[in-house]
C-alpha atoms as a PDB file:
ATOM      1  CA  MET A   1     198.162  38.542  -1.790  1.00  0.00           C
ATOM      2  CA  LEU A   2     198.347  42.126  -0.673  1.00  0.00           C
ATOM      3  CA  SER A   3     198.971  43.095   2.520  1.00  0.00           C
ATOM      4  CA  VAL A   4     195.454  41.630   5.409  1.00  0.00           C
ATOM      5  CA  ILE A   5     196.539  44.482   7.708  1.00  0.00           C
ATOM      6  CA  ASP A   6     196.758  47.656   7.362  1.00  0.00           C
ATOM      7  CA  PRO A   7     200.273  48.669   9.408  1.00  0.00           C
ATOM      8  CA  LEU A   8     200.207  48.750  13.247  1.00  0.00           C
ATOM      9  CA  ASP A   9     200.656  51.819  15.079  1.00  0.00           C
ATOM     10  CA  ALA A  10     203.562  52.216  17.716  1.00  0.00           C
ATOM     11  CA  HIS A  11     201.217  52.362  20.304  1.00  0.00           C
ATOM     12  CA  GLN A  12     198.656  48.883  18.875  1.00  0.00           C
ATOM     13  CA  ARG A  13     201.796  47.405  18.567  1.00  0.00           C
ATOM     14  CA  GLU A  14     202.671  47.868  22.476  1.00  0.00           C
ATOM     15  CA  LEU A  15     198.738  47.201  23.823  1.00  0.00           C
ATOM     16  CA  TRP A  16     198.601  44.127  21.419  1.00  0.00           C
ATOM     17  CA  GLY A  17     197.525  40.974  23.867  1.00  0.00           C
ATOM     18  CA  HIS A  18     197.000  43.344  27.020  1.00  0.00           C
ATOM     19  CA  GLN A  19     193.806  46.082  25.752  1.00  0.00           C
ATOM     20  CA  THR A  20     191.930  46.361  22.829  1.00  0.00           C
ATOM     21  CA  VAL A  21     193.104  47.017  19.654  1.00  0.00           C
ATOM     22  CA  LYS A  22     191.151  47.922  17.051  1.00  0.00           C
ATOM     23  CA  LEU A  23     192.397  47.458  13.357  1.00  0.00           C
ATOM     24  CA  ARG A  24     191.659  48.138   9.533  1.00  0.00           C
ATOM     25  CA  HIS A  25     191.921  45.045   6.981  1.00  0.00           C
ATOM     26  CA  HIS A  26     190.858  43.777   3.369  1.00  0.00           C
ATOM     27  CA  LEU A  27     188.978  41.268   3.846  1.00  0.00           C
ATOM     28  CA  ALA A  28     186.570  42.803   1.620  1.00  0.00           C
ATOM     29  CA  GLU A  29     187.844  43.314  -1.000  1.00  0.00           C
ATOM     30  CA  MET A  30     188.461  39.082  -1.322  1.00  0.00           C
ATOM     31  CA  ASP A  31     185.530  36.954  -3.403  1.00  0.00           C
ATOM     32  CA  LEU A  32     186.094  33.899  -0.245  1.00  0.00           C
ATOM     33  CA  PHE A  33     182.987  35.913   1.465  1.00  0.00           C
ATOM     34  CA  SER A  34     180.772  36.272  -1.697  1.00  0.00           C
ATOM     35  CA  ASP A  35     177.523  34.696  -0.819  1.00  0.00           C
ATOM     36  CA  ASP A  36     178.291  32.633  -4.617  1.00  0.00           C
ATOM     37  CA  SER A  37     181.430  31.118  -2.170  1.00  0.00           C
ATOM     38  CA  LEU A  38     179.695  31.656   1.355  1.00  0.00           C
ATOM     39  CA  ALA A  39     177.472  28.156  -0.200  1.00  0.00           C
ATOM     40  CA  LYS A  40     179.727  26.453  -1.326  1.00  0.00           C
ATOM     41  CA  LEU A  41     181.321  26.478   1.732  1.00  0.00           C
ATOM     42  CA  ILE A  42     178.188  25.752   3.762  1.00  0.00           C
ATOM     43  CA  GLU A  43     177.485  22.607   0.988  1.00  0.00           C
ATOM     44  CA  THR A  44     180.739  21.517   1.732  1.00  0.00           C
ATOM     45  CA  ALA A  45     181.481  21.558   5.307  1.00  0.00           C
ATOM     46  CA  ALA A  46     181.631  18.800   7.273  1.00  0.00           C
ATOM     47  CA  PRO A  47     178.662  18.620   9.641  1.00  0.00           C
ATOM     48  CA  LYS A  48     181.329  19.077  12.768  1.00  0.00           C
ATOM     49  CA  SER A  49     182.523  22.181  11.285  1.00  0.00           C
ATOM     50  CA  LEU A  50     179.128  23.475  10.355  1.00  0.00           C
ATOM     51  CA  ALA A  51     177.896  24.915  13.861  1.00  0.00           C
ATOM     52  CA  MET A  52     174.397  26.444  13.734  1.00  0.00           C
ATOM     53  CA  HIS A  53     172.513  27.682  16.526  1.00  0.00           C
ATOM     54  CA  THR A  54     169.138  29.925  16.812  1.00  0.00           C
ATOM     55  CA  GLU A  55     168.495  32.268  19.422  1.00  0.00           C
ATOM     56  CA  GLY A  56     166.817  31.646  22.595  1.00  0.00           C
ATOM     57  CA  GLY A  57     168.056  32.709  25.975  1.00  0.00           C
ATOM     58  CA  THR A  58     170.829  34.249  28.423  1.00  0.00           C
ATOM     59  CA  ASP A  59     172.580  31.143  28.135  1.00  0.00           C
ATOM     60  CA  PRO A  60     174.627  30.271  24.799  1.00  0.00           C
ATOM     61  CA  SER A  61     174.733  26.487  25.830  1.00  0.00           C
ATOM     62  CA  THR A  62     170.706  26.543  25.099  1.00  0.00           C
ATOM     63  CA  TRP A  63     170.619  27.633  21.993  1.00  0.00           C
ATOM     64  CA  PRO A  64     169.042  24.689  19.963  1.00  0.00           C
ATOM     65  CA  SER A  65     171.665  23.476  17.708  1.00  0.00           C
ATOM     66  CA  VAL A  66     170.314  23.372  13.618  1.00  0.00           C
ATOM     67  CA  ALA A  67     170.426  20.782  11.134  1.00  0.00           C
ATOM     68  CA  ARG A  68     171.078  21.369   7.482  1.00  0.00           C
ATOM     69  CA  GLY A  69     169.633  18.835   6.657  1.00  0.00           C
ATOM     70  CA  THR A  70     169.140  18.758   1.965  1.00  0.00           C
ATOM     71  CA  VAL A  71     168.642  22.769   1.961  1.00  0.00           C
ATOM     72  CA  PRO A  72     171.322  23.883  -0.160  1.00  0.00           C
ATOM     73  CA  GLY A  73     174.119  26.798   0.796  1.00  0.00           C
ATOM     74  CA  ALA A  74     172.316  29.246  -1.090  1.00  0.00           C
ATOM     75  CA  GLY A  75     168.835  28.276   0.825  1.00  0.00           C
ATOM     76  CA  VAL A  76     170.843  27.944   4.305  1.00  0.00           C
ATOM     77  CA  LEU A  77     171.799  31.543   3.392  1.00  0.00           C
ATOM     78  CA  GLU A  78     167.875  32.543   2.723  1.00  0.00           C
ATOM     79  CA  ALA A  79     167.422  31.976   6.076  1.00  0.00           C
ATOM     80  CA  VAL A  80     170.099  33.411   7.556  1.00  0.00           C
ATOM     81  CA  ARG A  81     169.325  36.709   5.396  1.00  0.00           C
ATOM     82  CA  ASP A  82     165.426  36.220   6.941  1.00  0.00           C
ATOM     83  CA  GLY A  83     165.226  34.564   9.131  1.00  0.00           C
ATOM     84  CA  LYS A  84     167.217  34.444  13.167  1.00  0.00           C
ATOM     85  CA  LEU A  85     170.323  31.951  13.018  1.00  0.00           C
ATOM     86  CA  TRP A  86     174.620  32.103  13.535  1.00  0.00           C
ATOM     87  CA  ILE A  87     176.942  29.847  11.635  1.00  0.00           C
ATOM     88  CA  ASN A  88     179.801  29.218  12.460  1.00  0.00           C
ATOM     89  CA  LEU A  89     182.532  27.311  10.023  1.00  0.00           C
ATOM     90  CA  VAL A  90     184.554  25.938  12.897  1.00  0.00           C
ATOM     91  CA  GLY A  91     188.336  25.690  12.406  1.00  0.00           C
ATOM     92  CA  ILE A  92     187.738  26.787   7.812  1.00  0.00           C
ATOM     93  CA  SER A  93     190.971  27.396   7.650  1.00  0.00           C
ATOM     94  CA  GLU A  94     191.924  24.042   8.690  1.00  0.00           C
ATOM     95  CA  TRP A  95     189.633  22.419   6.238  1.00  0.00           C
ATOM     96  CA  ASP A  96     189.627  24.763   3.118  1.00  0.00           C
ATOM     97  CA  PRO A  97     193.325  25.433   1.850  1.00  0.00           C
ATOM     98  CA  ARG A  98     192.358  29.373   0.572  1.00  0.00           C
ATOM     99  CA  PHE A  99     191.686  30.216   4.305  1.00  0.00           C
ATOM    100  CA  ALA A 100     195.129  28.108   5.719  1.00  0.00           C
ATOM    101  CA  GLU A 101     196.865  30.052   3.373  1.00  0.00           C
ATOM    102  CA  LEU A 102     195.245  33.768   4.503  1.00  0.00           C
ATOM    103  CA  ALA A 103     195.311  32.031   7.714  1.00  0.00           C
ATOM    104  CA  ASP A 104     199.278  32.262   7.122  1.00  0.00           C
ATOM    105  CA  LYS A 105     199.621  35.800   5.698  1.00  0.00           C
ATOM    106  CA  ILE A 106     197.386  36.818   8.834  1.00  0.00           C
ATOM    107  CA  PHE A 107     199.546  35.630  11.628  1.00  0.00           C
ATOM    108  CA  ALA A 108     202.661  36.784   8.986  1.00  0.00           C
ATOM    109  CA  GLU A 109     202.385  39.964   8.902  1.00  0.00           C
ATOM    110  CA  PHE A 110     201.833  40.103  12.231  1.00  0.00           C
ATOM    111  CA  ALA A 111     204.658  38.784  13.780  1.00  0.00           C
ATOM    112  CA  ALA A 112     206.422  40.705  12.101  1.00  0.00           C
ATOM    113  CA  GLN A 113     204.653  43.674  13.613  1.00  0.00           C
ATOM    114  CA  VAL A 114     204.410  42.244  17.093  1.00  0.00           C
ATOM    115  CA  PRO A 115     207.350  42.048  18.288  1.00  0.00           C
ATOM    116  CA  GLY A 116     207.882  38.935  20.881  1.00  0.00           C
ATOM    117  CA  LEU A 117     204.825  37.154  18.909  1.00  0.00           C
ATOM    118  CA  ASP A 118     205.551  33.458  19.120  1.00  0.00           C
ATOM    119  CA  VAL A 119     202.098  32.363  17.856  1.00  0.00           C
ATOM    120  CA  VAL A 120     202.468  28.626  18.035  1.00  0.00           C
ATOM    121  CA  LYS A 121     198.771  26.739  16.726  1.00  0.00           C
ATOM    122  CA  ARG A 122     195.922  29.329  15.050  1.00  0.00           C
ATOM    123  CA  LYS A 123     192.910  29.035  13.189  1.00  0.00           C
ATOM    124  CA  LEU A 124     190.168  30.965  11.318  1.00  0.00           C
ATOM    125  CA  GLY A 125     186.165  30.562  11.365  1.00  0.00           C
ATOM    126  CA  VAL A 126     183.957  32.419   9.122  1.00  0.00           C
ATOM    127  CA  LEU A 127     180.625  33.693  11.243  1.00  0.00           C
ATOM    128  CA  ILE A 128     177.335  34.148   9.498  1.00  0.00           C
ATOM    129  CA  SER A 129     174.401  35.724  10.908  1.00  0.00           C
ATOM    130  CA  SER A 130     171.071  36.746  11.143  1.00  0.00           C
ATOM    131  CA  PRO A 131     170.336  40.868  11.195  1.00  0.00           C
ATOM    132  CA  LYS A 132     169.597  41.993  14.968  1.00  0.00           C
ATOM    133  CA  ALA A 133     170.852  38.875  15.628  1.00  0.00           C
ATOM    134  CA  THR A 134     172.606  38.838  19.139  1.00  0.00           C
ATOM    135  CA  VAL A 135     175.725  36.654  21.421  1.00  0.00           C
ATOM    136  CA  HIS A 136     174.844  36.668  24.730  1.00  0.00           C
ATOM    137  CA  TYR A 137     177.717  38.294  27.370  1.00  0.00           C
ATOM    138  CA  HIS A 138     180.705  34.903  27.237  1.00  0.00           C
ATOM    139  CA  ILE A 139     183.722  34.201  27.264  1.00  0.00           C
ATOM    140  CA  ASP A 140     186.227  32.925  24.769  1.00  0.00           C
ATOM    141  CA  ILE A 141     189.461  30.454  25.790  1.00  0.00           C
ATOM    142  CA  PRO A 142     192.715  31.472  23.527  1.00  0.00           C
ATOM    143  CA  GLY A 143     193.257  34.720  22.061  1.00  0.00           C
ATOM    144  CA  GLN A 144     190.920  36.273  19.485  1.00  0.00           C
ATOM    145  CA  ALA A 145     189.968  38.961  16.684  1.00  0.00           C
ATOM    146  CA  ILE A 146     187.405  39.151  14.685  1.00  0.00           C
ATOM    147  CA  TRP A 147     186.792  40.796  11.237  1.00  0.00           C
ATOM    148  CA  GLN A 148     184.574  42.642  10.318  1.00  0.00           C
ATOM    149  CA  VAL A 149     183.459  41.702   6.006  1.00  0.00           C
ATOM    150  CA  ARG A 150     179.943  42.129   5.594  1.00  0.00           C
ATOM    151  CA  GLY A 151     177.119  43.918   7.181  1.00  0.00           C
ATOM    152  CA  ARG A 152     177.899  45.710  10.761  1.00  0.00           C
ATOM    153  CA  LYS A 153     177.544  45.220  14.395  1.00  0.00           C
ATOM    154  CA  ARG A 154     178.285  46.431  17.659  1.00  0.00           C
ATOM    155  CA  PHE A 155     181.519  44.421  20.042  1.00  0.00           C
ATOM    156  CA  ILE A 156     181.170  44.798  22.961  1.00  0.00           C
ATOM    157  CA  ILE A 157     183.622  44.017  25.427  1.00  0.00           C
ATOM    158  CA  TYR A 158     184.415  44.134  29.047  1.00  0.00           C
ATOM    159  CA  PRO A 159     186.920  44.186  31.358  1.00  0.00           C
ATOM    160  CA  ALA A 160     188.536  40.238  31.797  1.00  0.00           C
ATOM    161  CA  THR A 161     188.401  40.381  35.713  1.00  0.00           C
ATOM    162  CA  GLU A 162     186.719  39.808  38.465  1.00  0.00           C
ATOM    163  CA  PRO A 163     183.507  40.626  38.935  1.00  0.00           C
ATOM    164  CA  PHE A 164     183.311  40.631  34.896  1.00  0.00           C
ATOM    165  CA  LEU A 165     185.216  37.313  34.586  1.00  0.00           C
ATOM    166  CA  ARG A 166     184.515  35.323  37.928  1.00  0.00           C
ATOM    167  CA  PRO A 167     187.730  32.577  38.114  1.00  0.00           C
ATOM    168  CA  ALA A 168     185.004  29.697  38.159  1.00  0.00           C
ATOM    169  CA  GLU A 169     182.733  29.617  35.707  1.00  0.00           C
ATOM    170  CA  LEU A 170     186.468  30.712  33.234  1.00  0.00           C
ATOM    171  CA  GLU A 171     187.443  27.573  34.730  1.00  0.00           C
ATOM    172  CA  GLU A 172     184.118  25.587  33.462  1.00  0.00           C
ATOM    173  CA  ALA A 173     184.272  26.536  30.010  1.00  0.00           C
ATOM    174  CA  VAL A 174     187.975  25.807  30.012  1.00  0.00           C
ATOM    175  CA  ARG A 175     186.925  22.177  30.319  1.00  0.00           C
ATOM    176  CA  SER A 176     184.256  22.184  27.547  1.00  0.00           C
ATOM    177  CA  ALA A 177     182.251  21.684  30.645  1.00  0.00           C
ATOM    178  CA  THR A 178     179.983  25.206  29.643  1.00  0.00           C
ATOM    179  CA  TYR A 179     179.824  27.187  26.146  1.00  0.00           C
ATOM    180  CA  GLY A 180     181.458  30.168  27.593  1.00  0.00           C
ATOM    181  CA  VAL A 181     178.978  30.898  29.830  1.00  0.00           C
ATOM    182  CA  ALA A 182     179.408  34.032  32.073  1.00  0.00           C
ATOM    183  CA  THR A 183     177.174  35.942  34.798  1.00  0.00           C
ATOM    184  CA  TYR A 184     176.042  39.254  33.170  1.00  0.00           C
ATOM    185  CA  GLN A 185     174.513  42.327  34.896  1.00  0.00           C
ATOM    186  CA  PRO A 186     173.624  45.237  33.101  1.00  0.00           C
ATOM    187  CA  TRP A 187     175.085  47.600  35.491  1.00  0.00           C
ATOM    188  CA  TYR A 188     178.267  46.019  33.454  1.00  0.00           C
ATOM    189  CA  ASP A 189     177.845  47.747  30.494  1.00  0.00           C
ATOM    190  CA  GLU A 190     178.990  51.604  32.677  1.00  0.00           C
ATOM    191  CA  HIS A 191     182.372  49.604  32.228  1.00  0.00           C
ATOM    192  CA  ALA A 192     182.329  48.220  28.731  1.00  0.00           C
ATOM    193  CA  GLU A 193     184.225  49.044  25.771  1.00  0.00           C
ATOM    194  CA  PRO A 194     181.712  49.121  22.827  1.00  0.00           C
ATOM    195  CA  HIS A 195     182.650  48.940  19.127  1.00  0.00           C
ATOM    196  CA  ASP A 196     181.334  49.332  16.220  1.00  0.00           C
ATOM    197  CA  LEU A 197     182.127  47.402  13.619  1.00  0.00           C
ATOM    198  CA  ALA A 198     181.722  47.665   9.722  1.00  0.00           C
ATOM    199  CA  PRO A 199     183.263  45.634   6.825  1.00  0.00           C
ATOM    200  CA  GLY A 200     186.958  46.498   6.796  1.00  0.00           C
ATOM    201  CA  ASP A 201     187.339  46.377  11.110  1.00  0.00           C
ATOM    202  CA  ALA A 202     188.732  44.422  13.602  1.00  0.00           C
ATOM    203  CA  LEU A 203     188.928  44.389  16.664  1.00  0.00           C
ATOM    204  CA  HIS A 204     191.683  41.937  19.089  1.00  0.00           C
ATOM    205  CA  TRP A 205     190.861  41.919  23.127  1.00  0.00           C
ATOM    206  CA  ALA A 206     192.571  41.012  26.540  1.00  0.00           C
ATOM    207  CA  LEU A 207     192.916  37.252  27.068  1.00  0.00           C
ATOM    208  CA  ASN A 208     189.600  35.651  28.007  1.00  0.00           C
ATOM    209  CA  GLY A 209     187.311  39.508  27.515  1.00  0.00           C
ATOM    210  CA  PRO A 210     184.412  38.379  28.424  1.00  0.00           C
ATOM    211  CA  HIS A 211     181.749  40.395  25.848  1.00  0.00           C
ATOM    212  CA  ARG A 212     178.555  40.175  23.780  1.00  0.00           C
ATOM    213  CA  ILE A 213     177.163  41.402  20.505  1.00  0.00           C
ATOM    214  CA  GLU A 214     174.350  43.178  18.350  1.00  0.00           C
ATOM    215  CA  ASN A 215     174.456  42.927  14.991  1.00  0.00           C
ATOM    216  CA  PHE A 216     172.772  45.714  13.297  1.00  0.00           C
ATOM    217  CA  ASP A 217     169.900  45.426  10.425  1.00  0.00           C
ATOM    218  CA  GLU A 218     172.260  43.623   8.080  1.00  0.00           C
ATOM    219  CA  LEU A 219     173.652  40.325   7.290  1.00  0.00           C
ATOM    220  CA  SER A 220     176.244  39.868   8.959  1.00  0.00           C
ATOM    221  CA  VAL A 221     179.626  37.391   7.182  1.00  0.00           C
ATOM    222  CA  SER A 222     182.766  38.039   9.647  1.00  0.00           C
ATOM    223  CA  LEU A 223     186.611  35.940  10.087  1.00  0.00           C
ATOM    224  CA  THR A 224     187.460  34.731  13.192  1.00  0.00           C
ATOM    225  CA  SER A 225     191.016  34.252  14.315  1.00  0.00           C
ATOM    226  CA  GLU A 226     192.229  32.124  17.703  1.00  0.00           C
ATOM    227  CA  HIS A 227     195.494  31.948  18.337  1.00  0.00           C
ATOM    228  CA  TRP A 228     197.832  29.957  21.381  1.00  0.00           C
ATOM    229  CA  THR A 229     200.950  31.321  21.807  1.00  0.00           C
ATOM    230  CA  PRO A 230     203.252  29.810  25.169  1.00  0.00           C
ATOM    231  CA  ASP A 231     202.049  31.879  27.768  1.00  0.00           C
ATOM    232  CA  ILE A 232     198.064  31.275  26.954  1.00  0.00           C
ATOM    233  CA  ARG A 233     198.966  27.593  26.988  1.00  0.00           C
ATOM    234  CA  ARG A 234     200.273  28.001  30.508  1.00  0.00           C
ATOM    235  CA  THR A 235     197.372  29.916  31.643  1.00  0.00           C
ATOM    236  CA  TYR A 236     195.153  27.330  30.333  1.00  0.00           C
ATOM    237  CA  ALA A 237     196.636  24.847  31.297  1.00  0.00           C
ATOM    238  CA  MET A 238     196.741  26.629  35.568  1.00  0.00           C
ATOM    239  CA  ASN A 239     192.620  27.606  35.061  1.00  0.00           C
ATOM    240  CA  TYR A 240     192.166  23.989  34.063  1.00  0.00           C
ATOM    241  CA  GLY A 241     193.687  22.400  36.990  1.00  0.00           C
ATOM    242  CA  ASN A 242     192.047  24.947  39.504  1.00  0.00           C
ATOM    243  CA  GLY A 243     188.932  23.889  37.021  1.00  0.00           C
ATOM    244  CA  LEU A 244     189.674  20.120  38.358  1.00  0.00           C
ATOM    245  CA  LEU A 245     190.271  21.241  41.668  1.00  0.00           C
ATOM    246  CA  ARG A 246     187.439  22.767  42.407  1.00  0.00           C
ATOM    247  CA  HIS A 247     185.223  19.932  40.403  1.00  0.00           C
ATOM    248  CA  TYR A 248     185.972  17.779  43.375  1.00  0.00           C
ATOM    249  CA  GLY A 249     185.737  19.892  46.037  1.00  0.00           C
ATOM    250  CA  TRP A 250     189.109  21.699  47.072  1.00  0.00           C
ATOM    251  CA  THR A 251     188.973  25.425  46.580  1.00  0.00           C
ATOM    252  CA  PRO A 252     191.832  26.145  44.131  1.00  0.00           C
ATOM    253  CA  ARG A 253     194.130  28.971  46.674  1.00  0.00           C
ATOM    254  CA  SER A 254     196.319  30.039  43.268  1.00  0.00           C
ATOM    255  CA  ARG A 255     196.320  31.527  39.830  1.00  0.00           C
ATOM    256  CA  ALA A 256     200.367  31.745  39.713  1.00  0.00           C
ATOM    257  CA  VAL A 257     201.713  30.127  35.885  1.00  0.00           C
ATOM    258  CA  THR A 258     205.061  29.304  37.328  1.00  0.00           C
ATOM    259  CA  GLY A 259     206.199  26.736  40.704  1.00  0.00           C
ATOM    260  CA  PRO A 260     205.355  23.268  42.105  1.00  0.00           C
ATOM    261  CA  ALA A 261     201.938  24.132  42.271  1.00  0.00           C
ATOM    262  CA  PHE A 262     200.887  24.920  38.551  1.00  0.00           C
ATOM    263  CA  TRP A 263     202.994  21.882  37.328  1.00  0.00           C
ATOM    264  CA  ALA A 264     201.362  19.811  39.392  1.00  0.00           C
ATOM    265  CA  LYS A 265     197.914  21.052  37.643  1.00  0.00           C
ATOM    266  CA  VAL A 266     199.726  20.839  34.325  1.00  0.00           C
ATOM    267  CA  ALA A 267     200.013  16.776  35.538  1.00  0.00           C
ATOM    268  CA  LEU A 268     196.366  16.768  36.246  1.00  0.00           C
ATOM    269  CA  THR A 269     194.967  18.419  33.358  1.00  0.00           C
ATOM    270  CA  ALA A 270     197.397  15.480  30.738  1.00  0.00           C
ATOM    271  CA  ALA A 271     196.087  12.755  33.258  1.00  0.00           C
ATOM    272  CA  TYR A 272     192.274  14.080  33.050  1.00  0.00           C
ATOM    273  CA  ARG A 273     192.653  14.717  29.676  1.00  0.00           C
ATOM    274  CA  LYS A 274     194.044  11.363  28.977  1.00  0.00           C
ATOM    275  CA  SER A 275     191.595   9.423  30.691  1.00  0.00           C
ATOM    276  CA  GLY A 276     189.261  10.452  27.847  1.00  0.00           C
ATOM    277  CA  LEU A 277     186.712  12.135  30.891  1.00  0.00           C
ATOM    278  CA  GLN A 278     186.645  15.296  29.069  1.00  0.00           C
ATOM    279  CA  ASN A 279     184.498  14.466  26.021  1.00  0.00           C
ATOM    280  CA  LYS A 280     182.056  12.466  28.110  1.00  0.00           C
ATOM    281  CA  LYS A 281     181.364  15.412  30.165  1.00  0.00           C
ATOM    282  CA  GLY A 282     182.027  18.540  28.312  1.00  0.00           C
ATOM    283  CA  TYR A 283     179.492  20.641  25.976  1.00  0.00           C
ATOM    284  CA  GLN A 284     177.936  18.633  22.972  1.00  0.00           C
ATOM    285  CA  ARG A 285     176.162  19.729  20.592  1.00  0.00           C
ATOM    286  CA  VAL A 286     172.745  17.704  19.084  1.00  0.00           C
ATOM    287  CA  ALA A 287     170.877  19.520  16.372  1.00  0.00           C
ATOM    288  CA  THR A 288     166.708  19.890  17.644  1.00  0.00           C
ATOM    289  CA  PHE A 289     165.984  21.799  14.725  1.00  0.00           C
ATOM    290  CA  THR A 290     166.401  21.675  10.800  1.00  0.00           C
ATOM    291  CA  VAL A 291     166.802  24.776   8.349  1.00  0.00           C
ATOM    292  CA  ASP A 292     163.803  25.487   6.662  1.00  0.00           C
ATOM    293  CA  PRO A 293     163.591  29.095   4.580  1.00  0.00           C
ATOM    294  CA  ASP A 294     160.006  29.407   4.664  1.00  0.00           C
ATOM    295  CA  ALA A 295     159.581  29.014   8.560  1.00  0.00           C
ATOM    296  CA  HIS A 296     158.923  30.765  11.414  1.00  0.00           C
ATOM    297  CA  ASN A 297     162.986  32.207  12.011  1.00  0.00           C
ATOM    298  CA  GLY A 298     164.401  30.180   9.523  1.00  0.00           C
ATOM    299  CA  VAL A 299     164.088  26.538  11.477  1.00  0.00           C
ATOM    300  CA  ARG A 300     161.363  24.170  11.893  1.00  0.00           C
ATOM    301  CA  PRO A 301     161.698  21.822  14.649  1.00  0.00           C
ATOM    302  CA  LEU A 302     162.999  18.547  14.691  1.00  0.00           C
ATOM    303  CA  PRO A 303     160.235  15.165  16.336  1.00  0.00           C
ATOM    304  CA  PRO A 304     162.759  13.905  19.051  1.00  0.00           C
ATOM    305  CA  SER A 305     163.825  10.158  17.463  1.00  0.00           C
ATOM    306  CA  GLN A 306     165.668  12.763  14.776  1.00  0.00           C
ATOM    307  CA  TRP A 307     167.559  14.634  17.550  1.00  0.00           C
ATOM    308  CA  ALA A 308     171.339  13.803  16.895  1.00  0.00           C
ATOM    309  CA  PRO A 309     174.776  15.172  17.554  1.00  0.00           C
ATOM    310  CA  PRO A 310     176.739  16.332  14.172  1.00  0.00           C
ATOM    311  CA  GLY A 311     177.534  14.153  12.185  1.00  0.00           C
ATOM    312  CA  ALA A 312     175.827  11.149  13.742  1.00  0.00           C
END
């Protein structure tokens, strides 16, 4: 396999992990992202790995979840092309060996170019979304990059500091209590970085940087990559511990990732996750629509008796 990423220059290597870095890549030259390949991936994905939503409202956690039903992969792509759908092939590098090989390649190239980069966990996903579809203002938890393969989109990034990123909202997202929900005000756009992405463009941004997305008038296919480093894991543990304290009525006073208070939060987080309470209280997808290429927006509602989480 040829190089995936064009060589980073000196300032891109210095900015990596701290500021937005725009890269060039060669994924669009691969057959992995053709209609035939995507249709087969949609058909073979386990229900929990096929996250489909239709747009609705400013809170992504309220967007209706969509089941594939018996529609073949080609029919799902038709619904995406003509409707209003977002598809995420979640963690594809964990269940398709071709994408596992691609993940190895991508992060080996990053490791060779970014000084001190220590990735301890990573995975890839594939996003397939409708023309003019949007994703509202939200935050992600691991280190992130988006790789545009087909179509074009506008990716708008905001500072990863208050007031654009509020600690309590980040903590709720870390605990999976929300779907990355974050408060947005229109004046935030005065401080935003808009990036128009075409095939061959990739974007990496500062940890937890809030962002929103606007597709152009064409089907969009993107690869997403997420990664964890020891520093990102420590930040996660701090936010999780602070979120638990806040949830039970105590306002956290520190965001330090060292010292006795930090290690107490690590222990608290570990105990809470081991208890199973996270799975009981966390955000859950429940499909209330199913794909229908002939219906408005490519989906039709399911009767309440058929509402169910993926794979149920």
